[in-house]
Amino acid sequence: MAKARNTDFVERTYSPAVAESLGERLRDMIRDALASVMDERDLSQQHVARSTTIPQPVLCRFLNGGSIKVETAGILLDYVGLDIVEKTKIKLG
């Protein structure tokens, strides 16, 4: 019997410049979403750190414009309730 393929994930290869631009936009989106959630719920960095197991200095650095690891980005996306979805444009006709 053939093994089922996971069609939810498609590996893409981007040029370094495109990958860097995507990474910057994604970091900005996560940073803005996290800051909004923290503001709306009156959460401190310490509270988010305890809830996510991300060290508070890492959160502080990220919220002030620093970068984060992919794993940390995933934890923060889960925390703020966001998913990354790639949109594809399709030409009809």
N, C-alpha and C. Protein backbone atom coordinates (compact mmCIF):
# COMPACT_ATOMS: atom_id res chain seq x y z
N MET A 1 0.84 -1.17 0.00
CA MET A 1 0.00 0.00 0.00
C MET A 1 0.89 1.24 0.00
N ALA A 2 0.55 2.22 -0.80
CA ALA A 2 1.34 3.45 -0.90
C ALA A 2 1.17 4.29 0.37
N LYS A 3 2.26 4.90 0.77
CA LYS A 3 2.24 5.75 1.95
C LYS A 3 1.55 7.07 1.61
N ALA A 4 0.67 7.54 2.48
CA ALA A 4 -0.03 8.80 2.26
C ALA A 4 0.97 9.96 2.30
N ARG A 5 0.79 10.91 1.41
CA ARG A 5 1.66 12.08 1.37
C ARG A 5 1.02 13.22 2.12
N ASN A 6 1.84 13.97 2.83
CA ASN A 6 1.36 15.16 3.52
C ASN A 6 1.36 16.30 2.51
N THR A 7 0.18 16.75 2.11
CA THR A 7 0.09 17.83 1.13
C THR A 7 -0.07 19.19 1.81
N ASP A 8 -0.05 19.23 3.13
CA ASP A 8 -0.18 20.50 3.85
C ASP A 8 1.11 21.29 3.82
N PHE A 9 2.23 20.65 3.54
CA PHE A 9 3.52 21.32 3.57
C PHE A 9 4.23 21.09 2.24
N VAL A 10 4.64 22.16 1.62
CA VAL A 10 5.41 22.09 0.38
C VAL A 10 6.70 22.84 0.61
N GLU A 11 7.81 22.16 0.42
CA GLU A 11 9.11 22.80 0.62
C GLU A 11 9.38 23.76 -0.53
N ARG A 12 9.80 24.96 -0.18
CA ARG A 12 10.10 25.99 -1.17
C ARG A 12 11.56 26.41 -1.00
N THR A 13 12.16 26.80 -2.11
CA THR A 13 13.51 27.34 -2.07
C THR A 13 13.45 28.78 -2.57
N TYR A 14 13.95 29.69 -1.75
CA TYR A 14 13.95 31.10 -2.10
C TYR A 14 15.38 31.60 -2.18
N SER A 15 15.58 32.66 -2.96
CA SER A 15 16.90 33.28 -3.00
C SER A 15 17.18 33.88 -1.63
N PRO A 16 18.44 34.07 -1.26
CA PRO A 16 18.75 34.64 0.05
C PRO A 16 18.08 35.99 0.29
N ALA A 17 18.00 36.85 -0.73
CA ALA A 17 17.38 38.16 -0.56
C ALA A 17 15.88 38.03 -0.28
N VAL A 18 15.21 37.15 -1.00
CA VAL A 18 13.77 36.94 -0.80
C VAL A 18 13.53 36.32 0.56
N ALA A 19 14.33 35.34 0.93
CA ALA A 19 14.18 34.69 2.24
C ALA A 19 14.37 35.69 3.37
N GLU A 20 15.35 36.57 3.23
CA GLU A 20 15.59 37.58 4.28
C GLU A 20 14.41 38.53 4.38
N SER A 21 13.86 38.96 3.25
CA SER A 21 12.72 39.86 3.24
C SER A 21 11.50 39.19 3.88
N LEU A 22 11.26 37.92 3.54
CA LEU A 22 10.15 37.19 4.14
C LEU A 22 10.34 37.05 5.64
N GLY A 23 11.57 36.77 6.06
CA GLY A 23 11.87 36.62 7.48
C GLY A 23 11.63 37.90 8.24
N GLU A 24 12.03 39.03 7.66
CA GLU A 24 11.82 40.32 8.32
C GLU A 24 10.34 40.64 8.45
N ARG A 25 9.59 40.39 7.39
CA ARG A 25 8.14 40.67 7.44
C ARG A 25 7.46 39.77 8.46
N LEU A 26 7.86 38.50 8.50
CA LEU A 26 7.27 37.57 9.46
C LEU A 26 7.60 37.99 10.89
N ARG A 27 8.86 38.35 11.15
CA ARG A 27 9.23 38.82 12.49
C ARG A 27 8.41 40.03 12.89
N ASP A 28 8.23 40.97 11.96
CA ASP A 28 7.45 42.17 12.26
C ASP A 28 5.99 41.82 12.57
N MET A 29 5.43 40.88 11.82
CA MET A 29 4.04 40.48 12.06
C MET A 29 3.90 39.81 13.43
N ILE A 30 4.83 38.92 13.76
CA ILE A 30 4.77 38.24 15.06
C ILE A 30 4.96 39.26 16.18
N ARG A 31 5.92 40.17 16.01
CA ARG A 31 6.19 41.19 17.03
C ARG A 31 4.95 42.06 17.26
N ASP A 32 4.32 42.51 16.17
CA ASP A 32 3.11 43.34 16.29
C ASP A 32 1.97 42.58 16.95
N ALA A 33 1.79 41.32 16.58
CA ALA A 33 0.71 40.51 17.16
C ALA A 33 0.95 40.29 18.65
N LEU A 34 2.20 39.98 19.01
CA LEU A 34 2.52 39.76 20.41
C LEU A 34 2.31 41.04 21.22
N ALA A 35 2.79 42.15 20.70
CA ALA A 35 2.62 43.43 21.41
C ALA A 35 1.14 43.76 21.58
N SER A 36 0.33 43.49 20.57
CA SER A 36 -1.12 43.75 20.66
C SER A 36 -1.78 42.89 21.72
N VAL A 37 -1.44 41.60 21.72
CA VAL A 37 -2.01 40.68 22.72
C VAL A 37 -1.59 41.11 24.12
N MET A 38 -0.32 41.45 24.27
CA MET A 38 0.15 41.88 25.60
C MET A 38 -0.56 43.14 26.05
N ASP A 39 -0.78 44.07 25.13
CA ASP A 39 -1.45 45.32 25.47
C ASP A 39 -2.93 45.08 25.80
N GLU A 40 -3.61 44.31 24.94
CA GLU A 40 -5.04 44.04 25.14
C GLU A 40 -5.31 43.32 26.46
N ARG A 41 -4.43 42.39 26.81
CA ARG A 41 -4.64 41.58 28.02
C ARG A 41 -3.85 42.08 29.22
N ASP A 42 -3.16 43.20 29.04
CA ASP A 42 -2.34 43.80 30.10
C ASP A 42 -1.35 42.77 30.67
N LEU A 43 -0.61 42.14 29.75
CA LEU A 43 0.36 41.10 30.13
C LEU A 43 1.77 41.68 30.17
N SER A 44 2.53 41.26 31.14
CA SER A 44 3.93 41.66 31.23
C SER A 44 4.80 40.68 30.43
N GLN A 45 6.01 41.11 30.13
CA GLN A 45 6.96 40.20 29.50
C GLN A 45 7.20 38.99 30.39
N GLN A 46 7.26 39.21 31.69
CA GLN A 46 7.49 38.11 32.62
C GLN A 46 6.36 37.08 32.55
N HIS A 47 5.12 37.56 32.43
CA HIS A 47 3.98 36.64 32.33
C HIS A 47 4.08 35.80 31.05
N VAL A 48 4.38 36.47 29.92
CA VAL A 48 4.51 35.75 28.65
C VAL A 48 5.67 34.76 28.73
N ALA A 49 6.76 35.17 29.35
CA ALA A 49 7.92 34.28 29.50
C ALA A 49 7.54 33.02 30.28
N ARG A 50 6.84 33.20 31.38
CA ARG A 50 6.43 32.04 32.18
C ARG A 50 5.45 31.15 31.42
N SER A 51 4.55 31.78 30.65
CA SER A 51 3.53 31.02 29.92
C SER A 51 4.10 30.26 28.73
N THR A 52 5.20 30.74 28.17
CA THR A 52 5.75 30.14 26.95
C THR A 52 7.08 29.43 27.15
N THR A 53 7.69 29.59 28.28
CA THR A 53 9.04 29.08 28.60
C THR A 53 10.13 29.77 27.78
N ILE A 54 9.80 30.90 27.17
CA ILE A 54 10.81 31.70 26.47
C ILE A 54 11.42 32.65 27.50
N PRO A 55 12.73 32.70 27.64
CA PRO A 55 13.34 33.59 28.63
C PRO A 55 12.92 35.05 28.41
N GLN A 56 12.65 35.76 29.50
CA GLN A 56 12.21 37.15 29.41
C GLN A 56 13.20 38.03 28.65
N PRO A 57 14.52 37.86 28.83
CA PRO A 57 15.44 38.69 28.04
C PRO A 57 15.31 38.47 26.53
N VAL A 58 14.96 37.26 26.12
CA VAL A 58 14.75 36.97 24.70
C VAL A 58 13.52 37.73 24.20
N LEU A 59 12.44 37.70 24.99
CA LEU A 59 11.23 38.45 24.63
C LEU A 59 11.52 39.94 24.55
N CYS A 60 12.23 40.46 25.52
CA CYS A 60 12.57 41.88 25.55
C CYS A 60 13.35 42.27 24.30
N ARG A 61 14.36 41.49 23.98
CA ARG A 61 15.18 41.77 22.80
C ARG A 61 14.33 41.72 21.53
N PHE A 62 13.46 40.71 21.43
CA PHE A 62 12.60 40.57 20.25
C PHE A 62 11.63 41.75 20.14
N LEU A 63 10.99 42.11 21.24
CA LEU A 63 10.03 43.21 21.21
C LEU A 63 10.69 44.55 20.89
N ASN A 64 11.99 44.63 21.10
CA ASN A 64 12.74 45.85 20.79
C ASN A 64 13.48 45.77 19.46
N GLY A 65 13.05 44.83 18.59
CA GLY A 65 13.59 44.78 17.24
C GLY A 65 14.58 43.69 16.94
N GLY A 66 14.91 42.86 17.92
CA GLY A 66 15.86 41.78 17.70
C GLY A 66 15.24 40.59 16.98
N SER A 67 16.08 39.65 16.63
CA SER A 67 15.60 38.47 15.93
C SER A 67 15.36 37.33 16.93
N ILE A 68 14.70 36.29 16.46
CA ILE A 68 14.43 35.10 17.27
C ILE A 68 14.65 33.87 16.41
N LYS A 69 14.82 32.74 17.08
CA LYS A 69 14.96 31.46 16.37
C LYS A 69 13.60 31.02 15.84
N VAL A 70 13.63 30.15 14.84
CA VAL A 70 12.40 29.64 14.24
C VAL A 70 11.53 28.96 15.29
N GLU A 71 12.15 28.19 16.18
CA GLU A 71 11.40 27.50 17.23
C GLU A 71 10.68 28.50 18.13
N THR A 72 11.35 29.59 18.47
CA THR A 72 10.76 30.62 19.31
C THR A 72 9.61 31.29 18.58
N ALA A 73 9.78 31.54 17.29
CA ALA A 73 8.70 32.13 16.49
C ALA A 73 7.47 31.23 16.52
N GLY A 74 7.68 29.93 16.40
CA GLY A 74 6.56 28.99 16.45
C GLY A 74 5.83 29.02 17.78
N ILE A 75 6.57 29.11 18.87
CA ILE A 75 5.97 29.18 20.20
C ILE A 75 5.14 30.46 20.32
N LEU A 76 5.68 31.58 19.84
CA LEU A 76 4.95 32.84 19.93
C LEU A 76 3.72 32.85 19.02
N LEU A 77 3.82 32.26 17.84
CA LEU A 77 2.66 32.15 16.97
C LEU A 77 1.54 31.37 17.66
N ASP A 78 1.90 30.26 18.29
CA ASP A 78 0.90 29.49 19.04
C ASP A 78 0.31 30.32 20.17
N TYR A 79 1.15 31.06 20.87
CA TYR A 79 0.71 31.85 22.02
C TYR A 79 -0.30 32.92 21.62
N VAL A 80 -0.06 33.58 20.49
CA VAL A 80 -0.98 34.63 20.06
C VAL A 80 -2.10 34.09 19.17
N GLY A 81 -2.06 32.79 18.88
CA GLY A 81 -3.15 32.16 18.12
C GLY A 81 -3.11 32.41 16.62
N LEU A 82 -1.91 32.50 16.06
CA LEU A 82 -1.78 32.74 14.62
C LEU A 82 -1.20 31.52 13.92
N ASP A 83 -1.58 31.35 12.65
CA ASP A 83 -1.02 30.33 11.78
C ASP A 83 -0.43 31.02 10.57
N ILE A 84 0.59 30.43 10.00
CA ILE A 84 1.17 30.93 8.75
C ILE A 84 0.55 30.16 7.61
N VAL A 85 -0.05 30.88 6.68
CA VAL A 85 -0.70 30.26 5.53
C VAL A 85 -0.17 30.92 4.28
N GLU A 86 0.32 30.13 3.35
CA GLU A 86 0.79 30.66 2.08
C GLU A 86 -0.38 30.78 1.13
N LYS A 87 -0.56 31.97 0.58
CA LYS A 87 -1.61 32.18 -0.39
C LYS A 87 -1.04 32.02 -1.79
N THR A 88 -1.81 31.41 -2.66
CA THR A 88 -1.39 31.20 -4.03
C THR A 88 -2.41 31.86 -4.96
N LYS A 89 -1.93 32.64 -5.90
CA LYS A 89 -2.81 33.26 -6.88
C LYS A 89 -3.01 32.30 -8.04
N ILE A 90 -4.25 32.14 -8.46
CA ILE A 90 -4.59 31.25 -9.55
C ILE A 90 -5.26 32.06 -10.65
N LYS A 91 -4.77 31.91 -11.87
CA LYS A 91 -5.40 32.58 -13.02
C LYS A 91 -6.51 31.68 -13.53
N LEU A 92 -7.66 32.27 -13.72
CA LEU A 92 -8.80 31.54 -14.27
C LEU A 92 -8.94 31.87 -15.75
N GLY A 93 -9.35 30.87 -16.49
CA GLY A 93 -9.70 31.06 -17.88
C GLY A 93 -8.55 31.19 -18.75
